[in-house]
């Protein structure tokens, strides 16, 4: 089963969010940073 771009994006978000939590950054802040980055790349 091929992964859609959306699924890959979700996996990346989850991975970065988990890494952020390990580094002591709140999940909300992590998503805020990621969302900002994604909108910049659009």
N, C-alpha and C. Protein backbone atom coordinates (compact mmCIF):
# COMPACT_ATOMS: atom_id res chain seq x y z
N UNK A 1 0.85 -1.19 0.00
CA UNK A 1 0.00 0.00 0.00
C UNK A 1 0.89 1.25 0.00
N UNK A 2 0.72 2.03 -1.03
CA UNK A 2 1.54 3.24 -1.17
C UNK A 2 1.05 4.32 -0.22
N UNK A 3 2.01 5.03 0.36
CA UNK A 3 1.65 6.12 1.27
C UNK A 3 1.35 7.38 0.46
N UNK A 4 0.27 8.05 0.81
CA UNK A 4 -0.03 9.31 0.16
C UNK A 4 0.87 10.39 0.76
N UNK A 5 0.98 11.50 0.06
CA UNK A 5 1.80 12.61 0.56
C UNK A 5 1.28 13.06 1.93
N UNK A 6 -0.05 13.02 2.10
CA UNK A 6 -0.64 13.43 3.37
C UNK A 6 -0.19 12.53 4.51
N UNK A 7 -0.17 11.21 4.24
CA UNK A 7 0.27 10.26 5.26
C UNK A 7 1.73 10.51 5.62
N UNK A 8 2.56 10.74 4.63
CA UNK A 8 3.98 11.02 4.87
C UNK A 8 4.11 12.28 5.71
N UNK A 9 3.33 13.30 5.40
CA UNK A 9 3.36 14.55 6.17
C UNK A 9 2.97 14.32 7.61
N UNK A 10 1.96 13.50 7.83
CA UNK A 10 1.52 13.20 9.19
C UNK A 10 2.61 12.46 9.95
N UNK A 11 3.26 11.52 9.27
CA UNK A 11 4.35 10.78 9.92
C UNK A 11 5.46 11.74 10.31
N UNK A 12 5.78 12.67 9.42
CA UNK A 12 6.84 13.65 9.70
C UNK A 12 6.44 14.53 10.88
N UNK A 13 5.19 14.96 10.91
CA UNK A 13 4.71 15.78 12.03
C UNK A 13 4.82 15.02 13.34
N UNK A 14 4.40 13.76 13.32
CA UNK A 14 4.46 12.94 14.54
C UNK A 14 5.90 12.77 14.99
N UNK A 15 6.80 12.51 14.05
CA UNK A 15 8.21 12.31 14.38
C UNK A 15 8.81 13.58 14.98
N UNK A 16 8.57 14.71 14.35
CA UNK A 16 9.11 15.97 14.85
C UNK A 16 8.49 16.33 16.20
N UNK A 17 7.20 16.07 16.35
CA UNK A 17 6.54 16.36 17.63
C UNK A 17 7.13 15.52 18.75
N UNK A 18 7.38 14.24 18.46
CA UNK A 18 7.98 13.36 19.47
C UNK A 18 9.38 13.85 19.83
N UNK A 19 10.16 14.22 18.81
CA UNK A 19 11.52 14.72 19.06
C UNK A 19 11.45 16.00 19.89
N UNK A 20 10.49 16.87 19.59
CA UNK A 20 10.34 18.11 20.33
C UNK A 20 10.02 17.84 21.79
N UNK A 21 9.14 16.86 22.02
CA UNK A 21 8.80 16.51 23.41
C UNK A 21 10.02 16.01 24.15
N UNK A 22 10.84 15.21 23.48
CA UNK A 22 12.06 14.69 24.10
C UNK A 22 12.98 15.86 24.46
N UNK A 23 13.00 16.86 23.60
CA UNK A 23 13.86 18.02 23.84
C UNK A 23 13.23 19.01 24.83
N UNK A 24 12.03 18.73 25.28
CA UNK A 24 11.39 19.57 26.29
C UNK A 24 10.54 20.69 25.72
N UNK A 25 10.20 20.59 24.46
CA UNK A 25 9.34 21.60 23.84
C UNK A 25 7.91 21.06 23.88
N UNK A 26 6.97 21.91 24.18
CA UNK A 26 5.59 21.46 24.24
C UNK A 26 5.09 21.04 22.86
N UNK A 27 4.20 20.07 22.82
CA UNK A 27 3.67 19.58 21.54
C UNK A 27 2.97 20.72 20.79
N UNK A 28 2.23 21.55 21.51
CA UNK A 28 1.54 22.66 20.85
C UNK A 28 2.55 23.58 20.16
N UNK A 29 3.64 23.88 20.85
CA UNK A 29 4.68 24.74 20.27
C UNK A 29 5.31 24.07 19.05
N UNK A 30 5.53 22.77 19.15
CA UNK A 30 6.12 22.02 18.04
C UNK A 30 5.22 22.12 16.80
N UNK A 31 3.92 21.88 16.96
CA UNK A 31 3.01 21.97 15.83
C UNK A 31 2.95 23.40 15.29
N UNK A 32 3.01 24.38 16.18
CA UNK A 32 3.00 25.78 15.75
C UNK A 32 4.20 26.06 14.85
N UNK A 33 5.39 25.60 15.27
CA UNK A 33 6.60 25.79 14.48
C UNK A 33 6.50 25.07 13.14
N UNK A 34 6.01 23.82 13.17
CA UNK A 34 5.90 23.03 11.95
C UNK A 34 4.90 23.66 10.99
N UNK A 35 3.75 24.06 11.52
CA UNK A 35 2.72 24.67 10.68
C UNK A 35 3.25 25.93 10.01
N UNK A 36 3.99 26.72 10.76
CA UNK A 36 4.57 27.94 10.21
C UNK A 36 5.54 27.60 9.09
N UNK A 37 6.36 26.58 9.30
CA UNK A 37 7.33 26.15 8.30
C UNK A 37 6.64 25.64 7.05
N UNK A 38 5.60 24.84 7.22
CA UNK A 38 4.89 24.29 6.07
C UNK A 38 4.22 25.41 5.27
N UNK A 39 3.65 26.39 5.95
CA UNK A 39 2.99 27.49 5.24
C UNK A 39 4.02 28.34 4.50
N UNK A 40 5.22 28.45 5.04
CA UNK A 40 6.29 29.19 4.36
C UNK A 40 6.71 28.49 3.07
N UNK A 41 6.70 27.15 3.07
CA UNK A 41 7.13 26.38 1.91
C UNK A 41 6.06 26.29 0.84
N UNK A 42 4.83 26.62 1.20
CA UNK A 42 3.71 26.49 0.27
C UNK A 42 3.89 27.32 -0.98
